[in-house]
Amino acid sequence: MSRFYLFLLVLLTSLSVQASEYRHLLSNKSDLTFSYRQMGVPMEGKFSRFTGDIIFNPGDTSTANIRFDVDLSSIDVGYADGNEEILGVQWLNVEAHPTATFQSNKIITLGNDQFETQGQLTIKGKTLAISAPFAMTTGTDAAVFTGSFTLNRLDFGIGEGIWSDVGVVANEIAINFVLSANSTSGSAD
């Protein structure tokens, strides 16, 4: 009989963790990276400064909301000359548009801890609809959201003038995210 109660306790504990609401983005435990091709060579980069607000309950996504702001000056494209060039007017124009923003308007449950967020991405003053599938894994008081999506840089005016040649820098940029968030019972970083 005691095995039954132990099993029931474990089951109820795991269900309560799964039904937690997650709100506090842990930037120091999260990553935002991207990959692209330059002259056919695979390249990788990252952003080191970003903030966000997450309201997410995997048991009820109708009230979910994700807002994510990226400090574009924190970009690292993988080499020093590129880091200087990417901040300029023809690329990100960081002086006029220092932040990229994603705001969700819907999150769909796909099953087996798989979801899709749909929303608006604003970069360089241009706002476009995107969707990004992601997986969720949970721990004791935190969750990790892992996903990716692809954007076409020219749709946002990234790489204008001579840089609009997609033979030099490909149009497709894969954005990869690993976001950690505390449950409402946890503490923010």
C-alpha atoms as a PDB file:
ATOM      1  CA  MET A   1       0.000   0.000   0.000  1.00  0.00           C
ATOM      2  CA  SER A   2       2.839   2.445   0.771  1.00  0.00           C
ATOM      3  CA  ARG A   3       4.192   2.023  -2.790  1.00  0.00           C
ATOM      4  CA  PHE A   4       0.859   3.218  -4.119  1.00  0.00           C
ATOM      5  CA  TYR A   5       1.028   6.396  -1.997  1.00  0.00           C
ATOM      6  CA  LEU A   6       4.618   7.004  -3.048  1.00  0.00           C
ATOM      7  CA  PHE A   7       3.620   6.608  -6.705  1.00  0.00           C
ATOM      8  CA  LEU A   8       0.663   8.971  -6.198  1.00  0.00           C
ATOM      9  CA  LEU A   9       2.901  11.561  -4.517  1.00  0.00           C
ATOM     10  CA  VAL A  10       5.427  11.439  -7.370  1.00  0.00           C
ATOM     11  CA  LEU A  11       2.648  11.707  -9.952  1.00  0.00           C
ATOM     12  CA  LEU A  12       0.985  14.689  -8.260  1.00  0.00           C
ATOM     13  CA  THR A  13       4.325  16.453  -7.806  1.00  0.00           C
ATOM     14  CA  SER A  14       5.195  16.089 -11.487  1.00  0.00           C
ATOM     15  CA  LEU A  15       1.756  17.353 -12.530  1.00  0.00           C
ATOM     16  CA  SER A  16       2.039  20.437 -10.332  1.00  0.00           C
ATOM     17  CA  VAL A  17       5.414  21.318 -11.879  1.00  0.00           C
ATOM     18  CA  GLN A  18       3.952  20.893 -15.381  1.00  0.00           C
ATOM     19  CA  ALA A  19       1.032  23.221 -14.550  1.00  0.00           C
ATOM     20  CA  SER A  20       3.252  26.005 -13.174  1.00  0.00           C
ATOM     21  CA  GLU A  21       3.173  29.430 -14.711  1.00  0.00           C
ATOM     22  CA  TYR A  22       6.520  30.810 -15.861  1.00  0.00           C
ATOM     23  CA  ARG A  23       7.148  34.543 -15.753  1.00  0.00           C
ATOM     24  CA  HIS A  24      10.731  35.570 -15.033  1.00  0.00           C
ATOM     25  CA  LEU A  25      13.220  35.408 -17.909  1.00  0.00           C
ATOM     26  CA  LEU A  26      16.670  34.402 -16.666  1.00  0.00           C
ATOM     27  CA  SER A  27      18.873  36.258 -19.165  1.00  0.00           C
ATOM     28  CA  ASN A  28      22.069  34.912 -17.606  1.00  0.00           C
ATOM     29  CA  LYS A  29      20.869  31.346 -18.286  1.00  0.00           C
ATOM     30  CA  SER A  30      19.517  32.048 -21.778  1.00  0.00           C
ATOM     31  CA  ASP A  31      21.087  32.224 -25.246  1.00  0.00           C
ATOM     32  CA  LEU A  32      20.128  33.984 -28.455  1.00  0.00           C
ATOM     33  CA  THR A  33      22.241  32.908 -31.422  1.00  0.00           C
ATOM     34  CA  PHE A  34      21.992  32.967 -35.196  1.00  0.00           C
ATOM     35  CA  SER A  35      23.582  31.265 -38.162  1.00  0.00           C
ATOM     36  CA  TYR A  36      24.037  32.418 -41.730  1.00  0.00           C
ATOM     37  CA  ARG A  37      26.225  31.927 -44.785  1.00  0.00           C
ATOM     38  CA  GLN A  38      28.808  34.411 -45.968  1.00  0.00           C
ATOM     39  CA  MET A  39      30.178  33.639 -49.437  1.00  0.00           C
ATOM     40  CA  GLY A  40      28.868  30.105 -48.954  1.00  0.00           C
ATOM     41  CA  VAL A  41      30.714  29.581 -45.664  1.00  0.00           C
ATOM     42  CA  PRO A  42      28.596  28.782 -42.570  1.00  0.00           C
ATOM     43  CA  MET A  43      28.939  31.479 -39.894  1.00  0.00           C
ATOM     44  CA  GLU A  44      27.529  31.840 -36.399  1.00  0.00           C
ATOM     45  CA  GLY A  45      26.831  34.799 -34.176  1.00  0.00           C
ATOM     46  CA  LYS A  46      25.065  35.786 -30.993  1.00  0.00           C
ATOM     47  CA  PHE A  47      23.482  38.580 -29.007  1.00  0.00           C
ATOM     48  CA  SER A  48      24.731  39.046 -25.462  1.00  0.00           C
ATOM     49  CA  ARG A  49      22.130  41.512 -24.103  1.00  0.00           C
ATOM     50  CA  PHE A  50      18.389  40.917 -24.181  1.00  0.00           C
ATOM     51  CA  THR A  51      15.437  41.182 -21.836  1.00  0.00           C
ATOM     52  CA  GLY A  52      11.952  39.810 -21.881  1.00  0.00           C
ATOM     53  CA  ASP A  53       8.666  39.212 -20.177  1.00  0.00           C
ATOM     54  CA  ILE A  54       7.163  35.758 -20.283  1.00  0.00           C
ATOM     55  CA  ILE A  55       3.744  34.749 -19.031  1.00  0.00           C
ATOM     56  CA  PHE A  56       3.369  31.096 -19.896  1.00  0.00           C
ATOM     57  CA  ASN A  57       1.319  28.270 -18.436  1.00  0.00           C
ATOM     58  CA  PRO A  58       1.647  25.117 -20.551  1.00  0.00           C
ATOM     59  CA  GLY A  59      -1.750  23.957 -19.305  1.00  0.00           C
ATOM     60  CA  ASP A  60      -3.514  27.123 -20.545  1.00  0.00           C
ATOM     61  CA  THR A  61      -1.817  28.996 -23.385  1.00  0.00           C
ATOM     62  CA  SER A  62      -4.831  31.302 -23.896  1.00  0.00           C
ATOM     63  CA  THR A  63      -3.331  33.800 -21.435  1.00  0.00           C
ATOM     64  CA  ALA A  64       0.270  33.358 -22.598  1.00  0.00           C
ATOM     65  CA  ASN A  65       2.319  36.372 -23.597  1.00  0.00           C
ATOM     66  CA  ILE A  66       5.937  36.695 -24.662  1.00  0.00           C
ATOM     67  CA  ARG A  67       7.737  39.981 -25.224  1.00  0.00           C
ATOM     68  CA  PHE A  68      11.406  39.938 -26.031  1.00  0.00           C
ATOM     69  CA  ASP A  69      13.752  42.918 -26.587  1.00  0.00           C
ATOM     70  CA  VAL A  70      17.243  42.520 -28.038  1.00  0.00           C
ATOM     71  CA  ASP A  71      19.960  45.153 -27.670  1.00  0.00           C
ATOM     72  CA  LEU A  72      21.259  45.101 -31.244  1.00  0.00           C
ATOM     73  CA  SER A  73      24.565  46.716 -30.251  1.00  0.00           C
ATOM     74  CA  SER A  74      25.378  43.478 -28.386  1.00  0.00           C
ATOM     75  CA  ILE A  75      25.691  41.540 -31.658  1.00  0.00           C
ATOM     76  CA  ASP A  76      28.743  39.404 -32.371  1.00  0.00           C
ATOM     77  CA  VAL A  77      28.848  38.124 -35.975  1.00  0.00           C
ATOM     78  CA  GLY A  78      31.972  36.080 -35.397  1.00  0.00           C
ATOM     79  CA  TYR A  79      34.723  38.474 -36.472  1.00  0.00           C
ATOM     80  CA  ALA A  80      35.804  42.021 -35.481  1.00  0.00           C
ATOM     81  CA  ASP A  81      35.408  43.807 -38.844  1.00  0.00           C
ATOM     82  CA  GLY A  82      31.935  42.358 -39.241  1.00  0.00           C
ATOM     83  CA  ASN A  83      30.951  43.483 -35.746  1.00  0.00           C
ATOM     84  CA  GLU A  84      31.793  47.066 -36.667  1.00  0.00           C
ATOM     85  CA  GLU A  85      30.095  46.944 -40.101  1.00  0.00           C
ATOM     86  CA  ILE A  86      26.843  45.324 -38.909  1.00  0.00           C
ATOM     87  CA  LEU A  87      26.015  48.278 -36.620  1.00  0.00           C
ATOM     88  CA  GLY A  88      25.990  50.768 -39.523  1.00  0.00           C
ATOM     89  CA  VAL A  89      23.174  52.315 -41.554  1.00  0.00           C
ATOM     90  CA  GLN A  90      23.196  49.700 -44.349  1.00  0.00           C
ATOM     91  CA  TRP A  91      22.876  46.823 -41.895  1.00  0.00           C
ATOM     92  CA  LEU A  92      21.140  47.220 -38.510  1.00  0.00           C
ATOM     93  CA  ASN A  93      21.387  51.025 -38.229  1.00  0.00           C
ATOM     94  CA  VAL A  94      21.736  50.673 -34.469  1.00  0.00           C
ATOM     95  CA  GLU A  95      21.943  54.419 -33.904  1.00  0.00           C
ATOM     96  CA  ALA A  96      18.386  54.875 -35.240  1.00  0.00           C
ATOM     97  CA  HIS A  97      17.027  51.434 -34.239  1.00  0.00           C
ATOM     98  CA  PRO A  98      18.881  50.151 -31.156  1.00  0.00           C
ATOM     99  CA  THR A  99      16.396  47.389 -30.279  1.00  0.00           C
ATOM    100  CA  ALA A 100      14.698  44.477 -32.017  1.00  0.00           C
ATOM    101  CA  THR A 101      11.399  43.401 -30.454  1.00  0.00           C
ATOM    102  CA  PHE A 102       9.221  40.302 -30.611  1.00  0.00           C
ATOM    103  CA  GLN A 103       5.662  40.447 -29.261  1.00  0.00           C
ATOM    104  CA  SER A 104       3.548  37.295 -29.296  1.00  0.00           C
ATOM    105  CA  ASN A 105      -0.134  37.417 -30.122  1.00  0.00           C
ATOM    106  CA  LYS A 106      -0.866  33.689 -29.929  1.00  0.00           C
ATOM    107  CA  ILE A 107       0.712  30.490 -28.637  1.00  0.00           C
ATOM    108  CA  ILE A 108      -0.483  27.152 -29.964  1.00  0.00           C
ATOM    109  CA  THR A 109      -0.080  23.834 -28.146  1.00  0.00           C
ATOM    110  CA  LEU A 110       1.250  21.184 -30.544  1.00  0.00           C
ATOM    111  CA  GLY A 111       1.451  18.360 -27.957  1.00  0.00           C
ATOM    112  CA  ASN A 112       4.275  16.556 -26.135  1.00  0.00           C
ATOM    113  CA  ASP A 113       5.670  19.820 -24.687  1.00  0.00           C
ATOM    114  CA  GLN A 114       5.870  21.318 -28.198  1.00  0.00           C
ATOM    115  CA  PHE A 115       4.388  24.748 -28.910  1.00  0.00           C
ATOM    116  CA  GLU A 116       4.383  27.460 -31.545  1.00  0.00           C
ATOM    117  CA  THR A 117       4.405  31.173 -30.880  1.00  0.00           C
ATOM    118  CA  GLN A 118       3.000  33.581 -33.429  1.00  0.00           C
ATOM    119  CA  GLY A 119       3.619  37.280 -33.247  1.00  0.00           C
ATOM    120  CA  GLN A 120       5.245  40.410 -34.584  1.00  0.00           C
ATOM    121  CA  LEU A 121       8.994  40.896 -35.004  1.00  0.00           C
ATOM    122  CA  THR A 122      10.282  44.454 -35.381  1.00  0.00           C
ATOM    123  CA  ILE A 123      13.804  45.071 -36.657  1.00  0.00           C
ATOM    124  CA  LYS A 124      15.113  48.328 -38.089  1.00  0.00           C
ATOM    125  CA  GLY A 125      11.644  49.896 -37.939  1.00  0.00           C
ATOM    126  CA  LYS A 126       9.968  47.143 -39.975  1.00  0.00           C
ATOM    127  CA  THR A 127       7.396  44.841 -38.365  1.00  0.00           C
ATOM    128  CA  LEU A 128       6.538  41.439 -39.839  1.00  0.00           C
ATOM    129  CA  ALA A 129       4.556  38.424 -38.653  1.00  0.00           C
ATOM    130  CA  ILE A 130       6.608  35.375 -37.684  1.00  0.00           C
ATOM    131  CA  SER A 131       5.970  32.016 -36.095  1.00  0.00           C
ATOM    132  CA  ALA A 132       8.477  29.997 -34.121  1.00  0.00           C
ATOM    133  CA  PRO A 133       8.063  26.424 -32.916  1.00  0.00           C
ATOM    134  CA  PHE A 134       9.616  25.647 -29.543  1.00  0.00           C
ATOM    135  CA  ALA A 135       9.974  22.835 -27.055  1.00  0.00           C
ATOM    136  CA  MET A 136       9.615  23.198 -23.310  1.00  0.00           C
ATOM    137  CA  THR A 137      11.451  21.241 -20.637  1.00  0.00           C
ATOM    138  CA  THR A 138      10.800  21.749 -16.950  1.00  0.00           C
ATOM    139  CA  GLY A 139      12.868  21.482 -13.829  1.00  0.00           C
ATOM    140  CA  THR A 140      11.986  21.985 -10.183  1.00  0.00           C
ATOM    141  CA  ASP A 141      11.197  25.713 -10.414  1.00  0.00           C
ATOM    142  CA  ALA A 142      12.226  26.704 -13.940  1.00  0.00           C
ATOM    143  CA  ALA A 143      11.555  25.890 -17.568  1.00  0.00           C
ATOM    144  CA  VAL A 144      13.708  26.043 -20.679  1.00  0.00           C
ATOM    145  CA  PHE A 145      12.161  27.046 -23.995  1.00  0.00           C
ATOM    146  CA  THR A 146      14.229  25.926 -27.012  1.00  0.00           C
ATOM    147  CA  GLY A 147      13.344  26.842 -30.573  1.00  0.00           C
ATOM    148  CA  SER A 148      14.266  28.489 -33.821  1.00  0.00           C
ATOM    149  CA  PHE A 149      12.906  30.288 -36.848  1.00  0.00           C
ATOM    150  CA  THR A 150      14.286  31.660 -40.090  1.00  0.00           C
ATOM    151  CA  LEU A 151      13.989  35.234 -41.276  1.00  0.00           C
ATOM    152  CA  ASN A 152      14.905  36.839 -44.567  1.00  0.00           C
ATOM    153  CA  ARG A 153      17.198  39.738 -43.737  1.00  0.00           C
ATOM    154  CA  LEU A 154      16.217  41.762 -46.822  1.00  0.00           C
ATOM    155  CA  ASP A 155      12.562  41.788 -45.653  1.00  0.00           C
ATOM    156  CA  PHE A 156      13.756  43.922 -42.726  1.00  0.00           C
ATOM    157  CA  GLY A 157      16.141  46.071 -44.794  1.00  0.00           C
ATOM    158  CA  ILE A 158      19.177  44.401 -43.220  1.00  0.00           C
ATOM    159  CA  GLY A 159      22.052  44.653 -45.689  1.00  0.00           C
ATOM    160  CA  GLU A 160      21.101  47.422 -48.092  1.00  0.00           C
ATOM    161  CA  GLY A 161      22.973  48.809 -51.075  1.00  0.00           C
ATOM    162  CA  ILE A 162      25.965  46.695 -52.071  1.00  0.00           C
ATOM    163  CA  TRP A 163      25.119  44.317 -49.207  1.00  0.00           C
ATOM    164  CA  SER A 164      21.800  43.304 -50.773  1.00  0.00           C
ATOM    165  CA  ASP A 165      23.707  40.767 -52.911  1.00  0.00           C
ATOM    166  CA  VAL A 166      22.673  37.444 -51.353  1.00  0.00           C
ATOM    167  CA  GLY A 167      25.696  35.787 -52.973  1.00  0.00           C
ATOM    168  CA  VAL A 168      27.892  37.570 -50.434  1.00  0.00           C
ATOM    169  CA  VAL A 169      25.682  37.232 -47.345  1.00  0.00           C
ATOM    170  CA  ALA A 170      22.729  34.855 -47.666  1.00  0.00           C
ATOM    171  CA  ASN A 171      19.222  36.226 -47.238  1.00  0.00           C
ATOM    172  CA  GLU A 172      18.186  33.473 -44.800  1.00  0.00           C
ATOM    173  CA  ILE A 173      19.226  33.916 -41.180  1.00  0.00           C
ATOM    174  CA  ALA A 174      18.407  31.123 -38.711  1.00  0.00           C
ATOM    175  CA  ILE A 175      17.579  32.482 -35.255  1.00  0.00           C
ATOM    176  CA  ASN A 176      18.033  30.027 -32.373  1.00  0.00           C
ATOM    177  CA  PHE A 177      16.895  30.608 -28.813  1.00  0.00           C
ATOM    178  CA  VAL A 178      17.275  28.853 -25.488  1.00  0.00           C
ATOM    179  CA  LEU A 179      15.313  30.836 -22.904  1.00  0.00           C
ATOM    180  CA  SER A 180      15.163  29.965 -19.217  1.00  0.00           C
ATOM    181  CA  ALA A 181      12.360  31.236 -17.010  1.00  0.00           C
ATOM    182  CA  ASN A 182      11.481  30.781 -13.346  1.00  0.00           C
ATOM    183  CA  SER A 183       8.054  29.692 -12.263  1.00  0.00           C
ATOM    184  CA  THR A 184       5.943  32.189 -10.341  1.00  0.00           C
ATOM    185  CA  SER A 185       7.073  30.401  -7.194  1.00  0.00           C
ATOM    186  CA  GLY A 186      10.743  30.971  -8.169  1.00  0.00           C
ATOM    187  CA  SER A 187      12.700  34.204  -8.065  1.00  0.00           C
ATOM    188  CA  ALA A 188      13.874  36.390 -10.938  1.00  0.00           C
ATOM    189  CA  ASP A 189      17.550  36.919 -11.699  1.00  0.00           C
END
